[in-house]
Amino acid sequence: MFRRVMGWVLVVIGIICVGGQIDDLRKGKTDDAGIGFVMITVILGGGILLLRSAANRPVTVLMATAGKGTQDVPLETTVLRLARSHKGRVTPVEIATDAGISLEMAKEELERLMKAGACSLDVSEAGILVFRFAEFEDATAKDQRI
């Protein structure tokens, strides 16, 4: 989160500085224009790099581990563990509750896993979204599906 916020701050500052440099050039002040544009490039570049690194960083969840206290665990791993413990069928609400994340984040992660082919989506008669992880279903559920 910090990287994302700082990245946007640097981008906004860089854009404001570009406007200032352009205004100075229109007024005929060209003595330090080169240095100004180099500094702006560094600021904008730093902001963009921070934003990209924040976007590529995997989401982690702080989970309690047996005998080891707590540790950051990738969200994908947490969702897969929860799917296994729920015998292959989970809802976004279950994931959000058990992992301690927002419902929106749980839905996004389940949809990402579905696009990757790790699970499929069913809608219950009550209209509840149920994500099925076939590899974690018990044998009787697998037999019923086949």
N, C-alpha and C. Protein backbone atom coordinates (compact mmCIF):
# COMPACT_ATOMS: atom_id res chain seq x y z
N MET A 1 0.83 -1.18 0.00
CA MET A 1 0.00 0.00 0.00
C MET A 1 0.87 1.26 0.00
N PHE A 2 1.95 1.23 0.79
CA PHE A 2 2.84 2.38 0.87
C PHE A 2 3.45 2.70 -0.49
N ARG A 3 3.87 1.65 -1.21
CA ARG A 3 4.48 1.87 -2.53
C ARG A 3 3.48 2.51 -3.49
N ARG A 4 2.25 2.04 -3.43
CA ARG A 4 1.22 2.58 -4.32
C ARG A 4 0.97 4.06 -4.02
N VAL A 5 0.83 4.40 -2.76
CA VAL A 5 0.56 5.79 -2.37
C VAL A 5 1.74 6.68 -2.75
N MET A 6 2.95 6.25 -2.41
CA MET A 6 4.13 7.07 -2.75
C MET A 6 4.31 7.18 -4.26
N GLY A 7 4.00 6.12 -4.98
CA GLY A 7 4.09 6.17 -6.44
C GLY A 7 3.17 7.23 -7.01
N TRP A 8 1.92 7.26 -6.54
CA TRP A 8 0.98 8.27 -7.03
C TRP A 8 1.39 9.67 -6.61
N VAL A 9 1.93 9.81 -5.40
CA VAL A 9 2.40 11.13 -4.96
C VAL A 9 3.50 11.64 -5.89
N LEU A 10 4.45 10.77 -6.21
CA LEU A 10 5.55 11.18 -7.11
C LEU A 10 5.04 11.50 -8.51
N VAL A 11 4.10 10.72 -9.00
CA VAL A 11 3.56 10.98 -10.33
C VAL A 11 2.85 12.34 -10.36
N VAL A 12 2.05 12.62 -9.34
CA VAL A 12 1.34 13.91 -9.29
C VAL A 12 2.33 15.07 -9.19
N ILE A 13 3.33 14.93 -8.34
CA ILE A 13 4.35 15.98 -8.22
C ILE A 13 5.06 16.18 -9.56
N GLY A 14 5.39 15.08 -10.23
CA GLY A 14 6.05 15.17 -11.53
C GLY A 14 5.21 15.88 -12.56
N ILE A 15 3.91 15.60 -12.58
CA ILE A 15 3.02 16.26 -13.54
C ILE A 15 2.91 17.75 -13.24
N ILE A 16 2.83 18.09 -11.97
CA ILE A 16 2.78 19.51 -11.59
C ILE A 16 4.07 20.22 -12.01
N CYS A 17 5.20 19.55 -11.82
CA CYS A 17 6.48 20.14 -12.21
C CYS A 17 6.59 20.30 -13.73
N VAL A 18 6.04 19.36 -14.49
CA VAL A 18 6.04 19.50 -15.95
C VAL A 18 5.30 20.77 -16.34
N GLY A 19 4.14 20.98 -15.70
CA GLY A 19 3.38 22.19 -15.98
C GLY A 19 4.17 23.44 -15.67
N GLY A 20 4.89 23.43 -14.55
CA GLY A 20 5.72 24.57 -14.18
C GLY A 20 6.84 24.82 -15.18
N GLN A 21 7.48 23.73 -15.64
CA GLN A 21 8.56 23.87 -16.61
C GLN A 21 8.04 24.40 -17.95
N ILE A 22 6.90 23.92 -18.37
CA ILE A 22 6.31 24.40 -19.63
C ILE A 22 5.96 25.88 -19.50
N ASP A 23 5.42 26.26 -18.35
CA ASP A 23 5.09 27.66 -18.12
C ASP A 23 6.35 28.53 -18.15
N ASP A 24 7.43 28.06 -17.53
CA ASP A 24 8.69 28.81 -17.56
C ASP A 24 9.21 28.96 -18.99
N LEU A 25 9.10 27.90 -19.79
CA LEU A 25 9.56 27.97 -21.18
C LEU A 25 8.73 28.97 -21.98
N ARG A 26 7.43 29.02 -21.73
CA ARG A 26 6.58 29.99 -22.44
C ARG A 26 6.95 31.42 -22.06
N LYS A 27 7.44 31.61 -20.85
CA LYS A 27 7.83 32.95 -20.39
C LYS A 27 9.26 33.29 -20.81
N GLY A 28 9.94 32.36 -21.45
CA GLY A 28 11.29 32.62 -21.94
C GLY A 28 12.39 32.28 -20.95
N LYS A 29 12.08 31.65 -19.84
CA LYS A 29 13.09 31.26 -18.85
C LYS A 29 13.64 29.90 -19.24
N THR A 30 14.78 29.89 -19.91
CA THR A 30 15.35 28.64 -20.41
C THR A 30 16.67 28.29 -19.74
N ASP A 31 17.13 29.08 -18.75
CA ASP A 31 18.45 28.86 -18.17
C ASP A 31 18.59 27.49 -17.49
N ASP A 32 17.58 27.00 -16.80
CA ASP A 32 17.70 25.72 -16.09
C ASP A 32 16.64 24.70 -16.57
N ALA A 33 16.17 24.86 -17.79
CA ALA A 33 15.13 23.98 -18.31
C ALA A 33 15.62 22.53 -18.43
N GLY A 34 16.85 22.34 -18.87
CA GLY A 34 17.39 20.98 -19.03
C GLY A 34 17.46 20.24 -17.72
N ILE A 35 17.98 20.91 -16.69
CA ILE A 35 18.08 20.29 -15.37
C ILE A 35 16.67 20.00 -14.83
N GLY A 36 15.77 20.94 -15.05
CA GLY A 36 14.39 20.76 -14.58
C GLY A 36 13.73 19.54 -15.19
N PHE A 37 13.89 19.37 -16.50
CA PHE A 37 13.28 18.22 -17.15
C PHE A 37 13.94 16.90 -16.73
N VAL A 38 15.24 16.93 -16.45
CA VAL A 38 15.91 15.72 -15.95
C VAL A 38 15.36 15.36 -14.58
N MET A 39 15.19 16.33 -13.70
CA MET A 39 14.64 16.08 -12.37
C MET A 39 13.20 15.56 -12.46
N ILE A 40 12.43 16.14 -13.36
CA ILE A 40 11.05 15.69 -13.54
C ILE A 40 11.02 14.24 -14.03
N THR A 41 11.91 13.91 -14.96
CA THR A 41 11.99 12.54 -15.46
C THR A 41 12.31 11.57 -14.34
N VAL A 42 13.23 11.95 -13.45
CA VAL A 42 13.59 11.09 -12.32
C VAL A 42 12.39 10.92 -11.39
N ILE A 43 11.69 12.00 -11.09
CA ILE A 43 10.53 11.94 -10.19
C ILE A 43 9.43 11.08 -10.81
N LEU A 44 9.07 11.35 -12.06
CA LEU A 44 8.02 10.56 -12.73
C LEU A 44 8.43 9.10 -12.87
N GLY A 45 9.67 8.87 -13.24
CA GLY A 45 10.16 7.49 -13.38
C GLY A 45 10.10 6.74 -12.07
N GLY A 46 10.51 7.40 -11.00
CA GLY A 46 10.44 6.77 -9.67
C GLY A 46 9.01 6.44 -9.28
N GLY A 47 8.10 7.36 -9.56
CA GLY A 47 6.69 7.12 -9.25
C GLY A 47 6.13 5.95 -10.03
N ILE A 48 6.45 5.90 -11.31
CA ILE A 48 5.96 4.81 -12.16
C ILE A 48 6.55 3.48 -11.72
N LEU A 49 7.83 3.45 -11.38
CA LEU A 49 8.44 2.22 -10.90
C LEU A 49 7.80 1.74 -9.59
N LEU A 50 7.52 2.67 -8.69
CA LEU A 50 6.85 2.28 -7.45
C LEU A 50 5.46 1.70 -7.72
N LEU A 51 4.73 2.32 -8.63
CA LEU A 51 3.39 1.81 -8.96
C LEU A 51 3.47 0.42 -9.59
N ARG A 52 4.41 0.23 -10.48
CA ARG A 52 4.55 -1.09 -11.12
C ARG A 52 4.98 -2.16 -10.13
N SER A 53 5.89 -1.82 -9.22
CA SER A 53 6.33 -2.82 -8.24
C SER A 53 5.21 -3.16 -7.27
N ALA A 54 4.35 -2.18 -6.96
CA ALA A 54 3.22 -2.45 -6.08
C ALA A 54 2.21 -3.34 -6.77
N ALA A 55 2.03 -3.18 -8.07
CA ALA A 55 1.05 -3.98 -8.81
C ALA A 55 1.52 -5.42 -8.98
N ASN A 56 2.82 -5.65 -9.09
CA ASN A 56 3.35 -6.99 -9.31
C ASN A 56 3.60 -7.76 -8.03
N ARG A 57 3.42 -7.11 -6.92
CA ARG A 57 3.70 -7.74 -5.63
C ARG A 57 2.52 -8.63 -5.23
N PRO A 58 2.78 -9.91 -4.89
CA PRO A 58 1.67 -10.78 -4.52
C PRO A 58 1.06 -10.34 -3.19
N VAL A 59 -0.25 -10.51 -3.10
CA VAL A 59 -0.96 -10.16 -1.87
C VAL A 59 -0.68 -11.23 -0.83
N THR A 60 -0.37 -10.83 0.39
CA THR A 60 -0.13 -11.78 1.46
C THR A 60 -1.12 -11.55 2.58
N VAL A 61 -1.32 -12.60 3.37
CA VAL A 61 -2.22 -12.55 4.51
C VAL A 61 -1.44 -13.00 5.73
N LEU A 62 -1.63 -12.31 6.83
CA LEU A 62 -0.97 -12.68 8.08
C LEU A 62 -1.74 -13.84 8.70
N MET A 63 -1.11 -15.00 8.76
CA MET A 63 -1.79 -16.21 9.26
C MET A 63 -1.01 -16.78 10.44
N ALA A 64 -1.77 -17.36 11.39
CA ALA A 64 -1.15 -18.05 12.52
C ALA A 64 -0.68 -19.41 12.04
N THR A 65 0.53 -19.80 12.45
CA THR A 65 1.06 -21.10 12.08
C THR A 65 1.36 -21.88 13.36
N ALA A 66 1.20 -23.16 13.29
CA ALA A 66 1.38 -24.00 14.47
C ALA A 66 2.81 -23.90 14.99
N GLY A 67 2.95 -23.40 16.21
CA GLY A 67 4.25 -23.33 16.86
C GLY A 67 5.19 -22.27 16.34
N LYS A 68 4.79 -21.50 15.33
CA LYS A 68 5.69 -20.51 14.75
C LYS A 68 5.17 -19.09 14.86
N GLY A 69 4.09 -18.88 15.60
CA GLY A 69 3.52 -17.54 15.71
C GLY A 69 2.74 -17.19 14.47
N THR A 70 3.02 -16.03 13.89
CA THR A 70 2.34 -15.61 12.67
C THR A 70 3.36 -15.35 11.57
N GLN A 71 2.91 -15.48 10.34
CA GLN A 71 3.78 -15.18 9.20
C GLN A 71 2.94 -14.74 8.02
N ASP A 72 3.56 -14.01 7.09
CA ASP A 72 2.89 -13.61 5.87
C ASP A 72 2.83 -14.81 4.93
N VAL A 73 1.63 -15.11 4.48
CA VAL A 73 1.41 -16.22 3.56
C VAL A 73 0.75 -15.64 2.31
N PRO A 74 1.21 -16.04 1.12
CA PRO A 74 0.55 -15.55 -0.10
C PRO A 74 -0.95 -15.85 -0.06
N LEU A 75 -1.75 -14.92 -0.54
CA LEU A 75 -3.20 -15.08 -0.52
C LEU A 75 -3.62 -16.32 -1.29
N GLU A 76 -2.97 -16.59 -2.40
CA GLU A 76 -3.31 -17.79 -3.18
C GLU A 76 -3.16 -19.05 -2.34
N THR A 77 -2.07 -19.15 -1.60
CA THR A 77 -1.83 -20.31 -0.74
C THR A 77 -2.91 -20.41 0.33
N THR A 78 -3.27 -19.28 0.90
CA THR A 78 -4.30 -19.26 1.93
C THR A 78 -5.63 -19.74 1.37
N VAL A 79 -6.01 -19.26 0.20
CA VAL A 79 -7.28 -19.66 -0.43
C VAL A 79 -7.26 -21.16 -0.74
N LEU A 80 -6.14 -21.67 -1.26
CA LEU A 80 -6.06 -23.10 -1.58
C LEU A 80 -6.14 -23.96 -0.33
N ARG A 81 -5.51 -23.53 0.75
CA ARG A 81 -5.60 -24.27 2.01
C ARG A 81 -7.03 -24.28 2.54
N LEU A 82 -7.69 -23.14 2.44
CA LEU A 82 -9.08 -23.07 2.90
C LEU A 82 -9.98 -23.93 2.02
N ALA A 83 -9.74 -23.94 0.73
CA ALA A 83 -10.53 -24.79 -0.17
C ALA A 83 -10.34 -26.26 0.18
N ARG A 84 -9.13 -26.64 0.49
CA ARG A 84 -8.87 -28.04 0.87
C ARG A 84 -9.58 -28.38 2.18
N SER A 85 -9.53 -27.46 3.15
CA SER A 85 -10.18 -27.74 4.44
C SER A 85 -11.70 -27.72 4.34
N HIS A 86 -12.26 -27.07 3.30
CA HIS A 86 -13.71 -27.05 3.07
C HIS A 86 -14.12 -28.09 2.03
N LYS A 87 -13.26 -29.10 1.82
CA LYS A 87 -13.53 -30.19 0.89
C LYS A 87 -13.80 -29.72 -0.53
N GLY A 88 -13.08 -28.68 -0.95
CA GLY A 88 -13.12 -28.26 -2.34
C GLY A 88 -14.21 -27.28 -2.72
N ARG A 89 -15.06 -26.90 -1.79
CA ARG A 89 -16.15 -25.97 -2.10
C ARG A 89 -16.09 -24.80 -1.14
N VAL A 90 -15.90 -23.60 -1.71
CA VAL A 90 -15.83 -22.39 -0.88
C VAL A 90 -16.62 -21.26 -1.52
N THR A 91 -17.04 -20.35 -0.67
CA THR A 91 -17.71 -19.14 -1.14
C THR A 91 -16.81 -17.95 -0.83
N PRO A 92 -16.99 -16.84 -1.51
CA PRO A 92 -16.20 -15.65 -1.20
C PRO A 92 -16.35 -15.22 0.26
N VAL A 93 -17.54 -15.38 0.83
CA VAL A 93 -17.75 -15.00 2.22
C VAL A 93 -16.91 -15.87 3.15
N GLU A 94 -16.84 -17.18 2.88
CA GLU A 94 -16.02 -18.06 3.71
C GLU A 94 -14.55 -17.67 3.63
N ILE A 95 -14.08 -17.40 2.42
CA ILE A 95 -12.67 -17.02 2.25
C ILE A 95 -12.39 -15.71 2.98
N ALA A 96 -13.26 -14.72 2.79
CA ALA A 96 -13.06 -13.41 3.44
C ALA A 96 -13.04 -13.56 4.95
N THR A 97 -13.95 -14.35 5.49
CA THR A 97 -14.03 -14.53 6.94
C THR A 97 -12.82 -15.28 7.47
N ASP A 98 -12.50 -16.42 6.85
CA ASP A 98 -11.41 -17.25 7.36
C ASP A 98 -10.03 -16.63 7.14
N ALA A 99 -9.86 -15.88 6.06
CA ALA A 99 -8.55 -15.29 5.76
C ALA A 99 -8.40 -13.89 6.35
N GLY A 100 -9.50 -13.30 6.81
CA GLY A 100 -9.43 -11.96 7.39
C GLY A 100 -9.18 -10.89 6.34
N ILE A 101 -9.78 -11.06 5.16
CA ILE A 101 -9.63 -10.08 4.08
C ILE A 101 -11.01 -9.56 3.70
N SER A 102 -11.02 -8.55 2.84
CA SER A 102 -12.31 -8.00 2.40
C SER A 102 -13.00 -8.98 1.46
N LEU A 103 -14.31 -8.86 1.38
CA LEU A 103 -15.10 -9.71 0.50
C LEU A 103 -14.70 -9.48 -0.96
N GLU A 104 -14.43 -8.23 -1.31
CA GLU A 104 -14.02 -7.90 -2.68
C GLU A 104 -12.69 -8.58 -3.02
N MET A 105 -11.74 -8.55 -2.09
CA MET A 105 -10.44 -9.18 -2.33
C MET A 105 -10.61 -10.70 -2.47
N ALA A 106 -11.50 -11.29 -1.67
CA ALA A 106 -11.75 -12.73 -1.76
C ALA A 106 -12.34 -13.08 -3.13
N LYS A 107 -13.30 -12.29 -3.59
CA LYS A 107 -13.91 -12.54 -4.91
C LYS A 107 -12.87 -12.42 -6.02
N GLU A 108 -12.04 -11.39 -5.95
CA GLU A 108 -11.02 -11.18 -6.98
C GLU A 108 -10.04 -12.35 -7.04
N GLU A 109 -9.62 -12.83 -5.87
CA GLU A 109 -8.66 -13.95 -5.85
C GLU A 109 -9.30 -15.22 -6.36
N LEU A 110 -10.55 -15.49 -5.99
CA LEU A 110 -11.24 -16.69 -6.48
C LEU A 110 -11.45 -16.61 -7.99
N GLU A 111 -11.80 -15.44 -8.50
CA GLU A 111 -11.97 -15.27 -9.95
C GLU A 111 -10.64 -15.44 -10.68
N ARG A 112 -9.56 -14.95 -10.06
CA ARG A 112 -8.23 -15.11 -10.68
C ARG A 112 -7.87 -16.59 -10.75
N LEU A 113 -8.14 -17.33 -9.68
CA LEU A 113 -7.86 -18.76 -9.67
C LEU A 113 -8.74 -19.51 -10.67
N MET A 114 -9.97 -19.05 -10.84
CA MET A 114 -10.87 -19.67 -11.81
C MET A 114 -10.34 -19.45 -13.23
N LYS A 115 -9.86 -18.24 -13.54
CA LYS A 115 -9.29 -17.97 -14.86
C LYS A 115 -8.04 -18.80 -15.12
N ALA A 116 -7.31 -19.11 -14.03
CA ALA A 116 -6.10 -19.93 -14.16
C ALA A 116 -6.43 -21.42 -14.26
N GLY A 117 -7.72 -21.78 -14.11
CA GLY A 117 -8.12 -23.17 -14.25
C GLY A 117 -8.06 -23.98 -12.97
N ALA A 118 -7.84 -23.34 -11.85
CA ALA A 118 -7.73 -24.07 -10.58
C ALA A 118 -9.09 -24.44 -10.00
N CYS A 119 -10.13 -23.72 -10.40
CA CYS A 119 -11.46 -24.00 -9.86
C CYS A 119 -12.51 -23.63 -10.89
N SER A 120 -13.75 -24.00 -10.57
CA SER A 120 -14.88 -23.63 -11.44
C SER A 120 -15.94 -22.99 -10.56
N LEU A 121 -16.89 -22.35 -11.21
CA LEU A 121 -17.92 -21.60 -10.48
C LEU A 121 -19.27 -22.27 -10.66
N ASP A 122 -19.95 -22.49 -9.54
CA ASP A 122 -21.33 -22.96 -9.54
C ASP A 122 -22.16 -21.92 -8.81
N VAL A 123 -23.43 -21.87 -9.14
CA VAL A 123 -24.36 -21.00 -8.43
C VAL A 123 -25.40 -21.90 -7.77
N SER A 124 -25.53 -21.80 -6.45
CA SER A 124 -26.47 -22.65 -5.74
C SER A 124 -27.90 -22.22 -6.05
N GLU A 125 -28.86 -23.04 -5.64
CA GLU A 125 -30.27 -22.71 -5.86
C GLU A 125 -30.65 -21.41 -5.16
N ALA A 126 -29.94 -21.10 -4.08
CA ALA A 126 -30.21 -19.86 -3.33
C ALA A 126 -29.49 -18.66 -3.94
N GLY A 127 -28.73 -18.90 -5.02
CA GLY A 127 -28.02 -17.81 -5.68
C GLY A 127 -26.65 -17.52 -5.11
N ILE A 128 -26.11 -18.42 -4.31
CA ILE A 128 -24.79 -18.23 -3.69
C ILE A 128 -23.71 -18.72 -4.65
N LEU A 129 -22.68 -17.91 -4.82
CA LEU A 129 -21.54 -18.30 -5.66
C LEU A 129 -20.70 -19.32 -4.91
N VAL A 130 -20.51 -20.48 -5.51
CA VAL A 130 -19.70 -21.53 -4.89
C VAL A 130 -18.58 -21.87 -5.85
N PHE A 131 -17.36 -21.70 -5.40
CA PHE A 131 -16.20 -22.04 -6.22
C PHE A 131 -15.78 -23.47 -5.86
N ARG A 132 -15.68 -24.32 -6.89
CA ARG A 132 -15.34 -25.72 -6.71
C ARG A 132 -13.91 -26.00 -7.12
N PHE A 133 -13.15 -26.56 -6.22
CA PHE A 133 -11.79 -27.00 -6.48
C PHE A 133 -11.86 -28.53 -6.55
N ALA A 134 -11.96 -29.06 -7.76
CA ALA A 134 -12.21 -30.49 -7.95
C ALA A 134 -11.15 -31.37 -7.28
N GLU A 135 -9.93 -30.92 -7.25
CA GLU A 135 -8.86 -31.73 -6.67
C GLU A 135 -9.00 -31.90 -5.17
N PHE A 136 -9.76 -31.04 -4.53
CA PHE A 136 -9.92 -31.11 -3.08
C PHE A 136 -11.26 -31.72 -2.66
N GLU A 137 -12.12 -32.06 -3.62
CA GLU A 137 -13.41 -32.64 -3.27
C GLU A 137 -13.21 -34.05 -2.74
N ASP A 138 -14.10 -34.48 -1.85
CA ASP A 138 -14.00 -35.85 -1.36
C ASP A 138 -14.45 -36.81 -2.46
N ALA A 139 -14.18 -38.09 -2.29
CA ALA A 139 -14.42 -39.07 -3.34
C ALA A 139 -15.88 -39.16 -3.73
N THR A 140 -16.81 -39.05 -2.79
CA THR A 140 -18.23 -39.18 -3.13
C THR A 140 -18.69 -38.00 -3.97
N ALA A 141 -18.21 -36.81 -3.70
CA ALA A 141 -18.59 -35.65 -4.51
C ALA A 141 -18.02 -35.78 -5.91
N LYS A 142 -16.81 -36.32 -6.04
CA LYS A 142 -16.22 -36.53 -7.35
C LYS A 142 -17.02 -37.56 -8.14
N ASP A 143 -17.45 -38.65 -7.48
CA ASP A 143 -18.22 -39.67 -8.14
C ASP A 143 -19.56 -39.15 -8.62
N GLN A 144 -20.20 -38.27 -7.85
CA GLN A 144 -21.49 -37.70 -8.22
C GLN A 144 -21.34 -36.80 -9.44
N ARG A 145 -20.21 -36.13 -9.55
CA ARG A 145 -19.99 -35.21 -10.65
C ARG A 145 -19.72 -35.96 -11.95
N ILE A 146 -19.11 -37.13 -11.86
CA ILE A 146 -18.75 -37.90 -13.06
C ILE A 146 -19.89 -38.71 -13.52
